[in-house]
Amino acid sequence: MIQTQKIENKNQDFYDASLENGSLVMIPRCACGNVLNEYYYCEKCNRRCHCYRIVCDNSATLDLVQKYIREASQFAAFTASLANEN
């Protein structure tokens, strides 16, 4: 979904976001690109990660995420961008 080498340059943990059947799906990933377990722990880096960045696969996903950031308090601390902008 996302080009990992571009994410590594950001050195931030993130959510890999996409739309599936109209629903927002966010997969937590370590800055190294590894998918995180349910405790947000990266087995590769041996650390607990904190995701505050949402990387969207396309503009429709980004539009929805930006709407959530503006309107939902639980999204207020997040930033969002397109995968190809990272």
N, C-alpha and C. Protein backbone atom coordinates (compact mmCIF):
# COMPACT_ATOMS: atom_id res chain seq x y z
N MET A 1 0.80 -1.19 0.00
CA MET A 1 0.00 0.00 0.00
C MET A 1 0.86 1.27 0.00
N ILE A 2 1.74 1.38 0.96
CA ILE A 2 2.55 2.58 1.11
C ILE A 2 4.02 2.24 0.84
N GLN A 3 4.70 3.16 0.21
CA GLN A 3 6.11 2.95 -0.06
C GLN A 3 6.90 3.19 1.22
N THR A 4 7.39 2.11 1.81
CA THR A 4 8.02 2.15 3.12
C THR A 4 9.24 3.06 3.16
N GLN A 5 10.06 3.09 2.12
CA GLN A 5 11.27 3.91 2.17
C GLN A 5 10.96 5.39 2.36
N LYS A 6 9.84 5.86 1.82
CA LYS A 6 9.46 7.26 2.02
C LYS A 6 9.04 7.50 3.46
N ILE A 7 8.35 6.54 4.06
CA ILE A 7 7.91 6.67 5.44
C ILE A 7 9.12 6.67 6.38
N GLU A 8 10.09 5.83 6.11
CA GLU A 8 11.27 5.76 6.98
C GLU A 8 11.95 7.11 7.10
N ASN A 9 11.95 7.90 6.04
CA ASN A 9 12.59 9.21 6.07
C ASN A 9 11.88 10.16 7.03
N LYS A 10 10.61 9.95 7.30
CA LYS A 10 9.86 10.79 8.22
C LYS A 10 10.21 10.47 9.67
N ASN A 11 10.64 9.24 9.95
CA ASN A 11 11.01 8.81 11.29
C ASN A 11 9.87 9.00 12.30
N GLN A 12 8.63 8.71 11.85
CA GLN A 12 7.47 8.80 12.72
C GLN A 12 6.62 7.55 12.54
N ASP A 13 6.01 7.12 13.63
CA ASP A 13 5.03 6.05 13.55
C ASP A 13 3.78 6.63 12.87
N PHE A 14 2.97 5.78 12.28
CA PHE A 14 1.83 6.29 11.52
C PHE A 14 0.76 5.24 11.34
N TYR A 15 -0.41 5.69 10.90
CA TYR A 15 -1.47 4.80 10.47
C TYR A 15 -1.48 4.79 8.95
N ASP A 16 -1.60 3.63 8.37
CA ASP A 16 -1.76 3.42 6.94
C ASP A 16 -3.27 3.38 6.72
N ALA A 17 -3.85 4.42 6.10
CA ALA A 17 -5.30 4.55 5.99
C ALA A 17 -5.79 4.30 4.57
N SER A 18 -6.93 3.62 4.49
CA SER A 18 -7.58 3.37 3.21
C SER A 18 -9.08 3.22 3.44
N LEU A 19 -9.83 3.26 2.35
CA LEU A 19 -11.27 3.03 2.42
C LEU A 19 -11.56 1.64 1.88
N GLU A 20 -12.30 0.87 2.62
CA GLU A 20 -12.72 -0.46 2.19
C GLU A 20 -14.22 -0.56 2.35
N ASN A 21 -14.92 -0.71 1.23
CA ASN A 21 -16.39 -0.76 1.23
C ASN A 21 -16.99 0.44 1.94
N GLY A 22 -16.40 1.62 1.73
CA GLY A 22 -16.91 2.85 2.32
C GLY A 22 -16.52 3.11 3.76
N SER A 23 -15.80 2.18 4.37
CA SER A 23 -15.37 2.34 5.76
C SER A 23 -13.88 2.66 5.83
N LEU A 24 -13.52 3.53 6.77
CA LEU A 24 -12.12 3.88 6.98
C LEU A 24 -11.41 2.76 7.71
N VAL A 25 -10.29 2.30 7.15
CA VAL A 25 -9.47 1.26 7.77
C VAL A 25 -8.10 1.86 8.03
N MET A 26 -7.64 1.78 9.28
CA MET A 26 -6.34 2.34 9.63
C MET A 26 -5.48 1.25 10.28
N ILE A 27 -4.33 0.99 9.67
CA ILE A 27 -3.41 -0.04 10.16
C ILE A 27 -2.22 0.67 10.80
N PRO A 28 -1.95 0.43 12.08
CA PRO A 28 -0.82 1.09 12.73
C PRO A 28 0.51 0.50 12.26
N ARG A 29 1.46 1.39 11.99
CA ARG A 29 2.80 0.98 11.54
C ARG A 29 3.87 1.76 12.29
N CYS A 30 4.96 1.09 12.53
CA CYS A 30 6.15 1.72 13.12
C CYS A 30 6.80 2.60 12.05
N ALA A 31 7.62 3.53 12.46
CA ALA A 31 8.35 4.37 11.51
C ALA A 31 9.19 3.52 10.56
N CYS A 32 9.58 2.31 10.97
CA CYS A 32 10.36 1.43 10.11
C CYS A 32 9.51 0.78 9.03
N GLY A 33 8.16 0.91 9.13
CA GLY A 33 7.26 0.32 8.16
C GLY A 33 6.61 -0.96 8.62
N ASN A 34 7.08 -1.53 9.71
CA ASN A 34 6.55 -2.78 10.25
C ASN A 34 5.13 -2.58 10.79
N VAL A 35 4.22 -3.53 10.52
CA VAL A 35 2.87 -3.48 11.08
C VAL A 35 2.97 -3.74 12.58
N LEU A 36 2.23 -2.95 13.36
CA LEU A 36 2.28 -3.06 14.82
C LEU A 36 1.25 -4.05 15.33
N ASN A 37 1.55 -4.67 16.46
CA ASN A 37 0.59 -5.59 17.08
C ASN A 37 -0.47 -4.80 17.83
N GLU A 38 -1.38 -5.48 18.50
CA GLU A 38 -2.49 -4.82 19.18
C GLU A 38 -2.05 -3.88 20.30
N TYR A 39 -0.82 -4.02 20.78
CA TYR A 39 -0.29 -3.16 21.84
C TYR A 39 0.60 -2.05 21.27
N TYR A 40 0.61 -1.91 19.95
CA TYR A 40 1.42 -0.93 19.24
C TYR A 40 2.91 -1.14 19.50
N TYR A 41 3.29 -2.39 19.65
CA TYR A 41 4.68 -2.74 19.88
C TYR A 41 5.30 -3.24 18.57
N CYS A 42 6.46 -2.72 18.23
CA CYS A 42 7.16 -3.14 17.02
C CYS A 42 8.16 -4.24 17.38
N GLU A 43 7.94 -5.42 16.83
CA GLU A 43 8.83 -6.55 17.08
C GLU A 43 10.21 -6.32 16.45
N LYS A 44 10.26 -5.57 15.37
CA LYS A 44 11.52 -5.32 14.66
C LYS A 44 12.41 -4.33 15.43
N CYS A 45 11.80 -3.25 15.94
CA CYS A 45 12.56 -2.21 16.64
C CYS A 45 12.58 -2.40 18.16
N ASN A 46 11.78 -3.34 18.65
CA ASN A 46 11.67 -3.59 20.09
C ASN A 46 11.30 -2.34 20.87
N ARG A 47 10.22 -1.69 20.41
CA ARG A 47 9.75 -0.49 21.12
C ARG A 47 8.25 -0.34 20.94
N ARG A 48 7.63 0.39 21.86
CA ARG A 48 6.20 0.72 21.77
C ARG A 48 6.08 2.00 20.95
N CYS A 49 5.21 1.99 19.97
CA CYS A 49 5.07 3.10 19.04
C CYS A 49 3.87 3.97 19.40
N HIS A 50 3.89 5.20 18.91
CA HIS A 50 2.82 6.17 19.12
C HIS A 50 2.48 6.79 17.78
N CYS A 51 1.31 6.49 17.27
CA CYS A 51 0.89 6.94 15.94
C CYS A 51 0.04 8.21 16.05
N TYR A 52 0.54 9.31 15.51
CA TYR A 52 -0.20 10.56 15.47
C TYR A 52 -0.30 11.09 14.04
N ARG A 53 0.20 10.32 13.10
CA ARG A 53 0.19 10.71 11.70
C ARG A 53 -0.61 9.67 10.93
N ILE A 54 -1.45 10.13 10.02
CA ILE A 54 -2.26 9.24 9.20
C ILE A 54 -1.85 9.43 7.75
N VAL A 55 -1.39 8.36 7.13
CA VAL A 55 -0.95 8.41 5.73
C VAL A 55 -2.03 7.74 4.89
N CYS A 56 -2.65 8.52 4.02
CA CYS A 56 -3.80 8.07 3.24
C CYS A 56 -3.37 7.59 1.85
N ASP A 57 -4.04 6.54 1.38
CA ASP A 57 -3.68 5.96 0.09
C ASP A 57 -4.19 6.75 -1.11
N ASN A 58 -5.23 7.58 -0.93
CA ASN A 58 -5.74 8.39 -2.04
C ASN A 58 -6.47 9.61 -1.50
N SER A 59 -6.90 10.48 -2.41
CA SER A 59 -7.51 11.75 -1.99
C SER A 59 -8.87 11.56 -1.32
N ALA A 60 -9.64 10.54 -1.71
CA ALA A 60 -10.93 10.29 -1.05
C ALA A 60 -10.71 9.92 0.42
N THR A 61 -9.72 9.11 0.68
CA THR A 61 -9.39 8.74 2.07
C THR A 61 -8.92 9.97 2.83
N LEU A 62 -8.06 10.76 2.21
CA LEU A 62 -7.55 11.97 2.86
C LEU A 62 -8.69 12.93 3.19
N ASP A 63 -9.63 13.11 2.28
CA ASP A 63 -10.76 14.01 2.54
C ASP A 63 -11.55 13.55 3.76
N LEU A 64 -11.83 12.26 3.87
CA LEU A 64 -12.57 11.73 5.00
C LEU A 64 -11.79 11.90 6.30
N VAL A 65 -10.50 11.60 6.28
CA VAL A 65 -9.66 11.73 7.48
C VAL A 65 -9.59 13.19 7.91
N GLN A 66 -9.43 14.10 6.96
CA GLN A 66 -9.38 15.53 7.31
C GLN A 66 -10.71 15.99 7.92
N LYS A 67 -11.81 15.45 7.43
CA LYS A 67 -13.12 15.76 8.01
C LYS A 67 -13.16 15.29 9.47
N TYR A 68 -12.69 14.07 9.73
CA TYR A 68 -12.65 13.56 11.09
C TYR A 68 -11.76 14.42 11.98
N ILE A 69 -10.62 14.85 11.47
CA ILE A 69 -9.70 15.68 12.25
C ILE A 69 -10.38 17.00 12.63
N ARG A 70 -11.13 17.58 11.70
CA ARG A 70 -11.82 18.84 11.97
C ARG A 70 -13.00 18.68 12.92
N GLU A 71 -13.73 17.57 12.81
CA GLU A 71 -15.01 17.45 13.49
C GLU A 71 -15.03 16.53 14.71
N ALA A 72 -14.10 15.63 14.84
CA ALA A 72 -14.13 14.66 15.95
C ALA A 72 -12.96 14.90 16.90
N SER A 73 -13.27 15.13 18.15
CA SER A 73 -12.23 15.46 19.13
C SER A 73 -11.18 14.36 19.28
N GLN A 74 -11.57 13.10 19.10
CA GLN A 74 -10.59 12.01 19.24
C GLN A 74 -9.56 12.00 18.10
N PHE A 75 -9.79 12.74 17.04
CA PHE A 75 -8.84 12.85 15.93
C PHE A 75 -8.04 14.15 15.97
N ALA A 76 -8.31 15.02 16.92
CA ALA A 76 -7.72 16.37 16.96
C ALA A 76 -6.19 16.37 16.99
N ALA A 77 -5.57 15.39 17.58
CA ALA A 77 -4.11 15.36 17.71
C ALA A 77 -3.39 14.81 16.47
N PHE A 78 -4.16 14.36 15.48
CA PHE A 78 -3.57 13.72 14.30
C PHE A 78 -3.30 14.70 13.17
N THR A 79 -2.34 14.35 12.34
CA THR A 79 -2.11 15.03 11.07
C THR A 79 -2.31 14.00 9.98
N ALA A 80 -2.60 14.47 8.77
CA ALA A 80 -2.86 13.55 7.66
C ALA A 80 -2.19 14.05 6.40
N SER A 81 -1.80 13.09 5.55
CA SER A 81 -1.21 13.42 4.26
C SER A 81 -1.42 12.23 3.32
N LEU A 82 -1.17 12.49 2.03
CA LEU A 82 -1.22 11.41 1.04
C LEU A 82 0.08 10.64 1.08
N ALA A 83 0.03 9.38 0.76
CA ALA A 83 1.22 8.53 0.78
C ALA A 83 2.30 9.06 -0.15
N ASN A 84 1.93 9.56 -1.32
CA ASN A 84 2.94 10.02 -2.27
C ASN A 84 3.52 11.39 -1.92
N GLU A 85 3.04 12.02 -0.86
CA GLU A 85 3.59 13.30 -0.40
C GLU A 85 4.65 13.13 0.67
N ASN A 86 4.86 11.92 1.17
CA ASN A 86 5.79 11.66 2.28
C ASN A 86 7.18 11.43 1.78
